Amino acid sequence: MKKIIYSGCTCLILLLFLLISPVHANIYMYVDENGVMHFTNVPTSARYKLYMRGQRSLGSFYSSDKYDHYISLAARAYNVSFPLVKAVIKVESNFNPRAVSPKGAQGLMQIMPGTAKVLKVYDPFDPRENIMGGTRYLRMLLDRFDGKLPLALAGYNAGPLKVERYKGIPPYKETQNYVKKVLRYYRHMKSKS
């Protein structure tokens, strides 16, 4: 538990620090009977009330441009559009190379461990390996679904067998939203290039 106790003018310094530095977690505060302000990111009693909400978006912490070289290499190697690969990464991990999903998908392009083995991605947290493997998988799905991008994206999210079973985008809200988001980012990134 991280607990910080401040009093007097120290609060002003704390507030200035919080305003100029990135906040990663919610901050809670209470004032005790002596007028001392107590701050924590892990409240231990009902006395603590939300003082400042932490940032929810990872976008400001992970740069998208620093992977452009790897995205270019993979896009050329597997004949997949650069903006498409970048859009998939944006939706999958928001450019966080250490991302792990609740289902176990890993890295920038959120490759499942079984798929990583098939693609010979030995370190899914290595940006180059992950982008090369994820782009190769995307190419395989585009070929499997005759270049139909929405179906390839649905296969990337839900698995190709589900797309084949439903003869289209599966009726899963997550997959339907995923396809829409990737296509939206893809169009946006394409218009910028």
N, C-alpha and C. Protein backbone atom coordinates (compact mmCIF):
# COMPACT_ATOMS: atom_id res chain seq x y z
N MET A 1 0.84 -1.17 0.00
CA MET A 1 0.00 0.00 0.00
C MET A 1 0.89 1.23 0.00
N LYS A 2 0.54 2.17 -0.87
CA LYS A 2 1.28 3.43 -0.91
C LYS A 2 0.43 4.49 -0.24
N LYS A 3 0.92 5.00 0.86
CA LYS A 3 0.17 6.02 1.59
C LYS A 3 1.08 7.22 1.80
N ILE A 4 0.55 8.39 1.50
CA ILE A 4 1.32 9.61 1.66
C ILE A 4 0.53 10.52 2.56
N ILE A 5 1.18 11.10 3.57
CA ILE A 5 0.51 12.04 4.46
C ILE A 5 1.17 13.39 4.27
N TYR A 6 0.33 14.40 3.95
CA TYR A 6 0.83 15.75 3.74
C TYR A 6 0.03 16.72 4.60
N SER A 7 0.67 17.81 4.97
CA SER A 7 -0.06 18.86 5.68
C SER A 7 0.47 20.22 5.25
N GLY A 8 -0.30 21.25 5.54
CA GLY A 8 0.14 22.62 5.27
C GLY A 8 0.41 22.89 3.81
N CYS A 9 1.51 23.62 3.54
CA CYS A 9 1.81 24.03 2.17
C CYS A 9 2.30 22.88 1.31
N THR A 10 2.61 21.74 1.93
CA THR A 10 3.04 20.59 1.14
C THR A 10 1.94 20.16 0.17
N CYS A 11 0.68 20.41 0.54
CA CYS A 11 -0.44 20.06 -0.35
C CYS A 11 -0.35 20.82 -1.66
N LEU A 12 0.07 22.06 -1.61
CA LEU A 12 0.21 22.84 -2.83
C LEU A 12 1.25 22.22 -3.75
N ILE A 13 2.35 21.77 -3.17
CA ILE A 13 3.40 21.12 -3.96
C ILE A 13 2.87 19.83 -4.57
N LEU A 14 2.12 19.05 -3.78
CA LEU A 14 1.54 17.81 -4.27
C LEU A 14 0.60 18.08 -5.44
N LEU A 15 -0.26 19.08 -5.30
CA LEU A 15 -1.21 19.41 -6.36
C LEU A 15 -0.48 19.81 -7.64
N LEU A 16 0.56 20.63 -7.51
CA LEU A 16 1.33 21.04 -8.68
C LEU A 16 1.98 19.83 -9.35
N PHE A 17 2.52 18.93 -8.54
CA PHE A 17 3.16 17.72 -9.06
C PHE A 17 2.13 16.88 -9.82
N LEU A 18 0.95 16.70 -9.25
CA LEU A 18 -0.09 15.89 -9.87
C LEU A 18 -0.57 16.50 -11.18
N LEU A 19 -0.58 17.81 -11.25
CA LEU A 19 -1.06 18.48 -12.46
C LEU A 19 -0.05 18.41 -13.60
N ILE A 20 1.24 18.34 -13.29
CA ILE A 20 2.24 18.34 -14.37
C ILE A 20 2.78 16.95 -14.68
N SER A 21 2.48 15.94 -13.87
CA SER A 21 2.98 14.60 -14.15
C SER A 21 1.83 13.68 -14.51
N PRO A 22 2.12 12.62 -15.31
CA PRO A 22 1.06 11.70 -15.67
C PRO A 22 0.57 10.92 -14.46
N VAL A 23 -0.74 10.77 -14.35
CA VAL A 23 -1.34 10.03 -13.24
C VAL A 23 -1.75 8.67 -13.79
N HIS A 24 -1.33 7.59 -13.13
CA HIS A 24 -1.62 6.25 -13.61
C HIS A 24 -2.75 5.59 -12.84
N ALA A 25 -3.11 6.10 -11.65
CA ALA A 25 -4.13 5.46 -10.84
C ALA A 25 -4.99 6.53 -10.19
N ASN A 26 -6.17 6.12 -9.75
CA ASN A 26 -7.01 7.05 -9.01
C ASN A 26 -6.33 7.40 -7.69
N ILE A 27 -6.54 8.63 -7.24
CA ILE A 27 -5.98 9.07 -5.96
C ILE A 27 -7.15 9.39 -5.04
N TYR A 28 -7.05 8.88 -3.82
CA TYR A 28 -8.10 9.08 -2.81
C TYR A 28 -7.53 9.91 -1.68
N MET A 29 -8.42 10.64 -0.99
CA MET A 29 -7.97 11.55 0.06
C MET A 29 -9.02 11.63 1.16
N TYR A 30 -8.53 11.87 2.38
CA TYR A 30 -9.43 12.27 3.46
C TYR A 30 -8.66 13.19 4.40
N VAL A 31 -9.41 14.01 5.15
CA VAL A 31 -8.81 14.91 6.13
C VAL A 31 -9.17 14.38 7.50
N ASP A 32 -8.14 14.15 8.32
CA ASP A 32 -8.41 13.59 9.66
C ASP A 32 -8.83 14.68 10.64
N GLU A 33 -9.07 14.28 11.89
CA GLU A 33 -9.56 15.20 12.92
C GLU A 33 -8.58 16.31 13.25
N ASN A 34 -7.30 16.15 12.90
CA ASN A 34 -6.29 17.18 13.13
C ASN A 34 -6.08 18.07 11.91
N GLY A 35 -6.87 17.86 10.86
CA GLY A 35 -6.75 18.67 9.66
C GLY A 35 -5.67 18.19 8.71
N VAL A 36 -5.10 17.02 8.97
CA VAL A 36 -4.05 16.47 8.10
C VAL A 36 -4.71 15.75 6.92
N MET A 37 -4.24 16.07 5.73
CA MET A 37 -4.77 15.43 4.52
C MET A 37 -3.99 14.15 4.26
N HIS A 38 -4.71 13.06 4.01
CA HIS A 38 -4.10 11.76 3.73
C HIS A 38 -4.44 11.39 2.28
N PHE A 39 -3.42 11.01 1.51
CA PHE A 39 -3.59 10.64 0.11
C PHE A 39 -3.15 9.20 -0.08
N THR A 40 -3.82 8.46 -0.96
CA THR A 40 -3.43 7.09 -1.29
C THR A 40 -4.00 6.70 -2.64
N ASN A 41 -3.40 5.70 -3.24
CA ASN A 41 -3.98 5.12 -4.44
C ASN A 41 -4.70 3.81 -4.11
N VAL A 42 -4.60 3.39 -2.85
CA VAL A 42 -5.25 2.17 -2.38
C VAL A 42 -6.00 2.50 -1.09
N PRO A 43 -7.26 2.91 -1.18
CA PRO A 43 -7.99 3.30 0.03
C PRO A 43 -8.19 2.10 0.96
N THR A 44 -7.94 2.33 2.25
CA THR A 44 -8.06 1.25 3.23
C THR A 44 -9.29 1.40 4.12
N SER A 45 -10.03 2.48 3.94
CA SER A 45 -11.25 2.66 4.72
C SER A 45 -12.23 3.52 3.93
N ALA A 46 -13.46 3.57 4.42
CA ALA A 46 -14.52 4.35 3.77
C ALA A 46 -14.28 5.85 3.92
N ARG A 47 -13.35 6.25 4.79
CA ARG A 47 -13.07 7.68 4.95
C ARG A 47 -12.48 8.29 3.68
N TYR A 48 -11.75 7.47 2.92
CA TYR A 48 -11.15 7.97 1.69
C TYR A 48 -12.22 8.21 0.63
N LYS A 49 -12.11 9.35 -0.03
CA LYS A 49 -13.01 9.71 -1.13
C LYS A 49 -12.16 9.98 -2.36
N LEU A 50 -12.71 9.71 -3.53
CA LEU A 50 -11.98 9.95 -4.77
C LEU A 50 -11.58 11.42 -4.85
N TYR A 51 -10.29 11.64 -5.04
CA TYR A 51 -9.76 13.00 -5.10
C TYR A 51 -9.41 13.36 -6.54
N MET A 52 -8.76 12.42 -7.25
CA MET A 52 -8.37 12.66 -8.65
C MET A 52 -8.41 11.34 -9.40
N ARG A 53 -9.09 11.37 -10.53
CA ARG A 53 -9.20 10.17 -11.36
C ARG A 53 -7.96 10.02 -12.22
N GLY A 54 -7.41 8.80 -12.25
CA GLY A 54 -6.22 8.53 -13.07
C GLY A 54 -6.58 8.47 -14.53
N GLN A 55 -5.58 8.57 -15.38
CA GLN A 55 -5.79 8.51 -16.83
C GLN A 55 -6.15 7.09 -17.21
N ARG A 56 -7.14 6.94 -18.06
CA ARG A 56 -7.59 5.62 -18.50
C ARG A 56 -6.91 5.22 -19.82
N SER A 57 -6.61 6.20 -20.63
CA SER A 57 -6.07 5.91 -21.95
C SER A 57 -4.57 5.68 -21.88
N LEU A 58 -4.11 4.65 -22.58
CA LEU A 58 -2.67 4.40 -22.65
C LEU A 58 -2.04 5.17 -23.80
N GLY A 59 -2.87 5.84 -24.58
CA GLY A 59 -2.38 6.52 -25.78
C GLY A 59 -1.27 7.49 -25.51
N SER A 60 -1.33 8.21 -24.40
CA SER A 60 -0.30 9.20 -24.13
C SER A 60 1.01 8.56 -23.66
N PHE A 61 0.98 7.30 -23.26
CA PHE A 61 2.18 6.66 -22.74
C PHE A 61 2.91 5.82 -23.78
N TYR A 62 2.24 5.45 -24.86
CA TYR A 62 2.84 4.60 -25.86
C TYR A 62 2.82 5.30 -27.22
N SER A 63 3.97 5.51 -27.77
CA SER A 63 4.09 6.20 -29.06
C SER A 63 3.78 5.22 -30.19
N SER A 64 3.06 5.70 -31.18
CA SER A 64 2.75 4.83 -32.31
C SER A 64 3.83 4.90 -33.38
N ASP A 65 4.55 6.00 -33.46
CA ASP A 65 5.52 6.18 -34.53
C ASP A 65 6.79 5.36 -34.34
N LYS A 66 7.11 4.99 -33.13
CA LYS A 66 8.39 4.31 -32.92
C LYS A 66 8.40 2.89 -33.49
N TYR A 67 7.23 2.37 -33.89
CA TYR A 67 7.17 1.04 -34.48
C TYR A 67 6.98 1.09 -36.00
N ASP A 68 6.98 2.29 -36.57
CA ASP A 68 6.72 2.44 -38.00
C ASP A 68 7.72 1.65 -38.86
N HIS A 69 8.98 1.60 -38.45
CA HIS A 69 9.99 0.87 -39.23
C HIS A 69 9.61 -0.61 -39.31
N TYR A 70 9.26 -1.21 -38.18
CA TYR A 70 8.87 -2.63 -38.16
C TYR A 70 7.58 -2.85 -38.94
N ILE A 71 6.64 -1.91 -38.81
CA ILE A 71 5.37 -2.02 -39.53
C ILE A 71 5.64 -1.97 -41.04
N SER A 72 6.53 -1.08 -41.47
CA SER A 72 6.88 -0.99 -42.89
C SER A 72 7.50 -2.29 -43.40
N LEU A 73 8.43 -2.84 -42.61
CA LEU A 73 9.07 -4.10 -43.01
C LEU A 73 8.04 -5.20 -43.16
N ALA A 74 7.17 -5.33 -42.18
CA ALA A 74 6.16 -6.39 -42.20
C ALA A 74 5.15 -6.18 -43.32
N ALA A 75 4.74 -4.93 -43.51
CA ALA A 75 3.76 -4.61 -44.56
C ALA A 75 4.31 -4.99 -45.93
N ARG A 76 5.58 -4.67 -46.17
CA ARG A 76 6.21 -5.02 -47.45
C ARG A 76 6.40 -6.53 -47.57
N ALA A 77 6.87 -7.16 -46.51
CA ALA A 77 7.16 -8.60 -46.55
C ALA A 77 5.90 -9.42 -46.83
N TYR A 78 4.77 -9.00 -46.31
CA TYR A 78 3.54 -9.80 -46.44
C TYR A 78 2.48 -9.13 -47.30
N ASN A 79 2.85 -8.05 -47.98
CA ASN A 79 1.94 -7.35 -48.88
C ASN A 79 0.61 -7.00 -48.18
N VAL A 80 0.74 -6.34 -47.04
CA VAL A 80 -0.41 -5.86 -46.28
C VAL A 80 -0.22 -4.36 -46.12
N SER A 81 -1.30 -3.63 -46.23
CA SER A 81 -1.25 -2.17 -46.15
C SER A 81 -0.68 -1.70 -44.80
N PHE A 82 0.29 -0.78 -44.88
CA PHE A 82 0.88 -0.18 -43.67
C PHE A 82 -0.19 0.38 -42.74
N PRO A 83 -1.15 1.21 -43.26
CA PRO A 83 -2.17 1.76 -42.35
C PRO A 83 -3.04 0.67 -41.72
N LEU A 84 -3.24 -0.45 -42.42
CA LEU A 84 -4.04 -1.54 -41.85
C LEU A 84 -3.32 -2.18 -40.66
N VAL A 85 -2.04 -2.46 -40.82
CA VAL A 85 -1.27 -3.06 -39.71
C VAL A 85 -1.27 -2.10 -38.52
N LYS A 86 -1.07 -0.83 -38.80
CA LYS A 86 -1.03 0.17 -37.72
C LYS A 86 -2.40 0.26 -37.03
N ALA A 87 -3.48 0.17 -37.79
CA ALA A 87 -4.83 0.23 -37.21
C ALA A 87 -5.08 -0.99 -36.33
N VAL A 88 -4.63 -2.16 -36.76
CA VAL A 88 -4.80 -3.37 -35.94
C VAL A 88 -4.04 -3.22 -34.63
N ILE A 89 -2.81 -2.72 -34.70
CA ILE A 89 -2.03 -2.53 -33.47
C ILE A 89 -2.72 -1.53 -32.55
N LYS A 90 -3.24 -0.45 -33.11
CA LYS A 90 -3.93 0.57 -32.31
C LYS A 90 -5.09 -0.07 -31.53
N VAL A 91 -5.90 -0.86 -32.22
CA VAL A 91 -7.07 -1.45 -31.57
C VAL A 91 -6.66 -2.59 -30.64
N GLU A 92 -5.70 -3.38 -31.04
CA GLU A 92 -5.30 -4.54 -30.23
C GLU A 92 -4.62 -4.15 -28.92
N SER A 93 -3.64 -3.25 -28.97
CA SER A 93 -2.83 -2.98 -27.78
C SER A 93 -2.62 -1.51 -27.48
N ASN A 94 -3.13 -0.64 -28.35
CA ASN A 94 -2.88 0.79 -28.22
C ASN A 94 -1.38 1.08 -28.14
N PHE A 95 -0.61 0.30 -28.90
CA PHE A 95 0.85 0.45 -29.02
C PHE A 95 1.61 0.13 -27.73
N ASN A 96 1.02 -0.70 -26.89
CA ASN A 96 1.69 -1.16 -25.67
C ASN A 96 2.33 -2.52 -25.96
N PRO A 97 3.66 -2.59 -26.08
CA PRO A 97 4.32 -3.85 -26.43
C PRO A 97 4.24 -4.90 -25.34
N ARG A 98 3.86 -4.52 -24.11
CA ARG A 98 3.77 -5.46 -22.99
C ARG A 98 2.32 -5.86 -22.69
N ALA A 99 1.39 -5.48 -23.57
CA ALA A 99 -0.03 -5.76 -23.34
C ALA A 99 -0.30 -7.26 -23.29
N VAL A 100 -1.16 -7.66 -22.36
CA VAL A 100 -1.64 -9.04 -22.26
C VAL A 100 -3.14 -8.96 -22.03
N SER A 101 -3.90 -9.67 -22.86
CA SER A 101 -5.36 -9.64 -22.74
C SER A 101 -5.80 -10.63 -21.67
N PRO A 102 -7.04 -10.49 -21.19
CA PRO A 102 -7.56 -11.47 -20.22
C PRO A 102 -7.56 -12.90 -20.77
N LYS A 103 -7.60 -13.04 -22.11
CA LYS A 103 -7.60 -14.38 -22.72
C LYS A 103 -6.20 -14.89 -22.99
N GLY A 104 -5.18 -14.05 -22.75
CA GLY A 104 -3.79 -14.48 -22.91
C GLY A 104 -3.09 -14.01 -24.16
N ALA A 105 -3.75 -13.21 -24.99
CA ALA A 105 -3.10 -12.66 -26.19
C ALA A 105 -2.00 -11.69 -25.74
N GLN A 106 -0.90 -11.65 -26.50
CA GLN A 106 0.28 -10.92 -26.03
C GLN A 106 0.85 -9.97 -27.07
N GLY A 107 1.40 -8.87 -26.55
CA GLY A 107 2.18 -7.95 -27.36
C GLY A 107 1.37 -6.98 -28.18
N LEU A 108 2.05 -6.29 -29.07
CA LEU A 108 1.46 -5.23 -29.87
C LEU A 108 0.26 -5.69 -30.68
N MET A 109 0.38 -6.85 -31.33
CA MET A 109 -0.71 -7.34 -32.17
C MET A 109 -1.53 -8.41 -31.48
N GLN A 110 -1.32 -8.57 -30.18
CA GLN A 110 -2.12 -9.47 -29.35
C GLN A 110 -2.23 -10.87 -29.95
N ILE A 111 -1.10 -11.53 -30.05
CA ILE A 111 -1.04 -12.87 -30.61
C ILE A 111 -1.25 -13.89 -29.50
N MET A 112 -2.15 -14.84 -29.73
CA MET A 112 -2.39 -15.91 -28.77
C MET A 112 -1.19 -16.85 -28.76
N PRO A 113 -0.86 -17.45 -27.60
CA PRO A 113 0.32 -18.34 -27.54
C PRO A 113 0.32 -19.46 -28.58
N GLY A 114 -0.82 -20.09 -28.82
CA GLY A 114 -0.88 -21.16 -29.83
C GLY A 114 -0.59 -20.65 -31.22
N THR A 115 -1.14 -19.49 -31.55
CA THR A 115 -0.90 -18.88 -32.85
C THR A 115 0.56 -18.46 -32.96
N ALA A 116 1.13 -17.97 -31.87
CA ALA A 116 2.54 -17.57 -31.87
C ALA A 116 3.44 -18.75 -32.23
N LYS A 117 3.12 -19.93 -31.70
CA LYS A 117 3.93 -21.12 -32.02
C LYS A 117 3.86 -21.44 -33.51
N VAL A 118 2.65 -21.40 -34.08
CA VAL A 118 2.47 -21.68 -35.50
C VAL A 118 3.25 -20.67 -36.35
N LEU A 119 3.23 -19.41 -35.92
CA LEU A 119 3.89 -18.34 -36.66
C LEU A 119 5.39 -18.24 -36.36
N LYS A 120 5.87 -19.07 -35.44
CA LYS A 120 7.26 -19.05 -34.99
C LYS A 120 7.66 -17.71 -34.38
N VAL A 121 6.73 -17.17 -33.58
CA VAL A 121 7.01 -15.96 -32.80
C VAL A 121 7.45 -16.46 -31.42
N TYR A 122 8.74 -16.39 -31.16
CA TYR A 122 9.28 -16.95 -29.93
C TYR A 122 9.18 -15.99 -28.76
N ASP A 123 9.24 -14.70 -29.03
CA ASP A 123 9.09 -13.69 -27.98
C ASP A 123 7.99 -12.71 -28.40
N PRO A 124 6.75 -12.96 -27.98
CA PRO A 124 5.65 -12.10 -28.40
C PRO A 124 5.75 -10.67 -27.88
N PHE A 125 6.64 -10.42 -26.92
CA PHE A 125 6.81 -9.07 -26.39
C PHE A 125 7.90 -8.29 -27.12
N ASP A 126 8.58 -8.95 -28.05
CA ASP A 126 9.55 -8.26 -28.89
C ASP A 126 8.76 -7.59 -30.01
N PRO A 127 8.79 -6.25 -30.10
CA PRO A 127 7.97 -5.56 -31.10
C PRO A 127 8.17 -6.05 -32.53
N ARG A 128 9.42 -6.26 -32.93
CA ARG A 128 9.68 -6.70 -34.30
C ARG A 128 9.06 -8.07 -34.57
N GLU A 129 9.33 -9.02 -33.68
CA GLU A 129 8.78 -10.37 -33.85
C GLU A 129 7.26 -10.36 -33.86
N ASN A 130 6.68 -9.61 -32.95
CA ASN A 130 5.22 -9.56 -32.82
C ASN A 130 4.58 -8.97 -34.07
N ILE A 131 5.13 -7.86 -34.55
CA ILE A 131 4.57 -7.21 -35.73
C ILE A 131 4.74 -8.10 -36.97
N MET A 132 5.90 -8.73 -37.11
CA MET A 132 6.10 -9.62 -38.26
C MET A 132 5.13 -10.80 -38.19
N GLY A 133 4.99 -11.41 -37.02
CA GLY A 133 4.08 -12.54 -36.87
C GLY A 133 2.62 -12.15 -37.05
N GLY A 134 2.22 -11.05 -36.43
CA GLY A 134 0.83 -10.60 -36.54
C GLY A 134 0.46 -10.22 -37.96
N THR A 135 1.40 -9.60 -38.67
CA THR A 135 1.14 -9.21 -40.07
C THR A 135 1.07 -10.44 -40.97
N ARG A 136 1.93 -11.40 -40.69
CA ARG A 136 1.88 -12.66 -41.45
C ARG A 136 0.53 -13.34 -41.24
N TYR A 137 0.06 -13.35 -40.00
CA TYR A 137 -1.24 -13.96 -39.70
C TYR A 137 -2.36 -13.21 -40.40
N LEU A 138 -2.28 -11.90 -40.41
CA LEU A 138 -3.28 -11.09 -41.10
C LEU A 138 -3.29 -11.41 -42.60
N ARG A 139 -2.10 -11.58 -43.18
CA ARG A 139 -1.99 -11.95 -44.60
C ARG A 139 -2.65 -13.32 -44.84
N MET A 140 -2.41 -14.27 -43.94
CA MET A 140 -3.00 -15.61 -44.06
C MET A 140 -4.53 -15.52 -44.03
N LEU A 141 -5.04 -14.66 -43.16
CA LEU A 141 -6.50 -14.50 -43.05
C LEU A 141 -7.07 -13.80 -44.29
N LEU A 142 -6.38 -12.80 -44.80
CA LEU A 142 -6.82 -12.14 -46.03
C LEU A 142 -6.88 -13.13 -47.19
N ASP A 143 -5.88 -14.01 -47.28
CA ASP A 143 -5.88 -15.03 -48.33
C ASP A 143 -7.02 -16.03 -48.11
N ARG A 144 -7.20 -16.43 -46.87
CA ARG A 144 -8.24 -17.42 -46.53
C ARG A 144 -9.64 -16.91 -46.87
N PHE A 145 -9.85 -15.59 -46.68
CA PHE A 145 -11.18 -15.01 -46.92
C PHE A 145 -11.21 -14.17 -48.21
N ASP A 146 -10.40 -14.58 -49.18
CA ASP A 146 -10.39 -13.97 -50.53
C ASP A 146 -10.28 -12.45 -50.51
N GLY A 147 -9.45 -11.92 -49.62
CA GLY A 147 -9.20 -10.48 -49.58
C GLY A 147 -10.32 -9.66 -48.94
N LYS A 148 -11.33 -10.32 -48.41
CA LYS A 148 -12.45 -9.59 -47.78
C LYS A 148 -12.00 -9.14 -46.39
N LEU A 149 -11.66 -7.86 -46.32
CA LEU A 149 -11.06 -7.30 -45.10
C LEU A 149 -11.93 -7.48 -43.85
N PRO A 150 -13.23 -7.18 -43.89
CA PRO A 150 -14.02 -7.38 -42.67
C PRO A 150 -13.99 -8.81 -42.15
N LEU A 151 -13.98 -9.78 -43.05
CA LEU A 151 -13.93 -11.19 -42.62
C LEU A 151 -12.55 -11.54 -42.05
N ALA A 152 -11.50 -11.02 -42.68
CA ALA A 152 -10.14 -11.27 -42.17
C ALA A 152 -10.00 -10.68 -40.77
N LEU A 153 -10.53 -9.48 -40.57
CA LEU A 153 -10.45 -8.85 -39.24
C LEU A 153 -11.28 -9.62 -38.22
N ALA A 154 -12.45 -10.07 -38.62
CA ALA A 154 -13.27 -10.88 -37.71
C ALA A 154 -12.53 -12.16 -37.34
N GLY A 155 -11.83 -12.75 -38.32
CA GLY A 155 -11.04 -13.95 -38.06
C GLY A 155 -9.88 -13.66 -37.11
N TYR A 156 -9.29 -12.49 -37.24
CA TYR A 156 -8.19 -12.10 -36.36
C TYR A 156 -8.69 -12.00 -34.92
N ASN A 157 -9.91 -11.52 -34.74
CA ASN A 157 -10.46 -11.32 -33.41
C ASN A 157 -11.09 -12.58 -32.83
N ALA A 158 -11.94 -13.24 -33.60
CA ALA A 158 -12.71 -14.36 -33.06
C ALA A 158 -12.17 -15.73 -33.48
N GLY A 159 -11.28 -15.73 -34.45
CA GLY A 159 -10.76 -16.98 -34.99
C GLY A 159 -11.42 -17.29 -36.32
N PRO A 160 -10.66 -17.80 -37.28
CA PRO A 160 -11.19 -18.05 -38.62
C PRO A 160 -12.30 -19.10 -38.65
N LEU A 161 -12.26 -20.07 -37.77
CA LEU A 161 -13.30 -21.11 -37.77
C LEU A 161 -14.67 -20.53 -37.42
N LYS A 162 -14.69 -19.54 -36.55
CA LYS A 162 -15.97 -18.90 -36.20
C LYS A 162 -16.53 -18.13 -37.39
N VAL A 163 -15.66 -17.48 -38.14
CA VAL A 163 -16.10 -16.75 -39.34
C VAL A 163 -16.67 -17.73 -40.35
N GLU A 164 -16.01 -18.87 -40.51
CA GLU A 164 -16.49 -19.87 -41.45
C GLU A 164 -17.80 -20.50 -40.96
N ARG A 165 -17.90 -20.75 -39.69
CA ARG A 165 -19.12 -21.35 -39.13
C ARG A 165 -20.33 -20.44 -39.37
N TYR A 166 -20.15 -19.12 -39.15
CA TYR A 166 -21.26 -18.18 -39.30
C TYR A 166 -21.37 -17.62 -40.72
N LYS A 167 -20.44 -18.04 -41.60
CA LYS A 167 -20.42 -17.55 -42.99
C LYS A 167 -20.43 -16.02 -43.05
N GLY A 168 -19.65 -15.42 -42.17
CA GLY A 168 -19.56 -13.97 -42.09
C GLY A 168 -19.05 -13.57 -40.71
N ILE A 169 -19.18 -12.29 -40.40
CA ILE A 169 -18.75 -11.80 -39.09
C ILE A 169 -19.62 -12.44 -38.02
N PRO A 170 -19.02 -13.12 -37.04
CA PRO A 170 -19.81 -13.78 -36.01
C PRO A 170 -20.69 -12.80 -35.23
N PRO A 171 -21.78 -13.27 -34.67
CA PRO A 171 -22.71 -12.38 -33.98
C PRO A 171 -22.26 -12.05 -32.56
N TYR A 172 -20.98 -11.79 -32.41
CA TYR A 172 -20.43 -11.42 -31.10
C TYR A 172 -20.23 -9.91 -31.10
N LYS A 173 -20.75 -9.25 -30.09
CA LYS A 173 -20.63 -7.79 -29.99
C LYS A 173 -19.16 -7.37 -30.04
N GLU A 174 -18.31 -8.09 -29.29
CA GLU A 174 -16.89 -7.74 -29.26
C GLU A 174 -16.28 -7.77 -30.66
N THR A 175 -16.57 -8.82 -31.41
CA THR A 175 -16.00 -8.95 -32.76
C THR A 175 -16.57 -7.90 -33.71
N GLN A 176 -17.87 -7.67 -33.64
CA GLN A 176 -18.49 -6.67 -34.50
C GLN A 176 -17.91 -5.28 -34.22
N ASN A 177 -17.75 -4.95 -32.93
CA ASN A 177 -17.16 -3.65 -32.57
C ASN A 177 -15.70 -3.58 -32.99
N TYR A 178 -14.98 -4.69 -32.85
CA TYR A 178 -13.57 -4.75 -33.23
C TYR A 178 -13.40 -4.43 -34.71
N VAL A 179 -14.20 -5.08 -35.55
CA VAL A 179 -14.09 -4.85 -37.00
C VAL A 179 -14.37 -3.39 -37.32
N LYS A 180 -15.41 -2.82 -36.72
CA LYS A 180 -15.75 -1.41 -36.96
C LYS A 180 -14.62 -0.48 -36.54
N LYS A 181 -14.04 -0.75 -35.36
CA LYS A 181 -12.96 0.12 -34.87
C LYS A 181 -11.73 0.05 -35.76
N VAL A 182 -11.33 -1.16 -36.13
CA VAL A 182 -10.13 -1.29 -36.99
C VAL A 182 -10.38 -0.59 -38.32
N LEU A 183 -11.54 -0.79 -38.91
CA LEU A 183 -11.83 -0.16 -40.20
C LEU A 183 -11.85 1.37 -40.08
N ARG A 184 -12.38 1.87 -38.95
CA ARG A 184 -12.40 3.32 -38.74
C ARG A 184 -10.98 3.88 -38.64
N TYR A 185 -10.13 3.23 -37.83
CA TYR A 185 -8.74 3.67 -37.71
C TYR A 185 -7.99 3.51 -39.03
N TYR A 186 -8.29 2.43 -39.74
CA TYR A 186 -7.64 2.18 -41.02
C TYR A 186 -7.94 3.31 -42.01
N ARG A 187 -9.22 3.67 -42.12
CA ARG A 187 -9.60 4.77 -43.02
C ARG A 187 -8.92 6.07 -42.59
N HIS A 188 -8.90 6.32 -41.29
CA HIS A 188 -8.28 7.55 -40.78
C HIS A 188 -6.79 7.58 -41.10
N MET A 189 -6.08 6.48 -40.84
CA MET A 189 -4.63 6.44 -41.07
C MET A 189 -4.31 6.47 -42.56
N LYS A 190 -5.19 5.86 -43.37
CA LYS A 190 -5.00 5.89 -44.81
C LYS A 190 -5.13 7.31 -45.35
N SER A 191 -6.07 8.07 -44.79
CA SER A 191 -6.28 9.44 -45.26
C SER A 191 -5.11 10.36 -44.87
N LYS A 192 -4.35 9.97 -43.84
CA LYS A 192 -3.21 10.78 -43.40
C LYS A 192 -1.96 10.49 -44.23
N SER A 193 -1.93 9.34 -44.91
CA SER A 193 -0.70 8.98 -45.63
C SER A 193 -0.74 9.40 -47.09
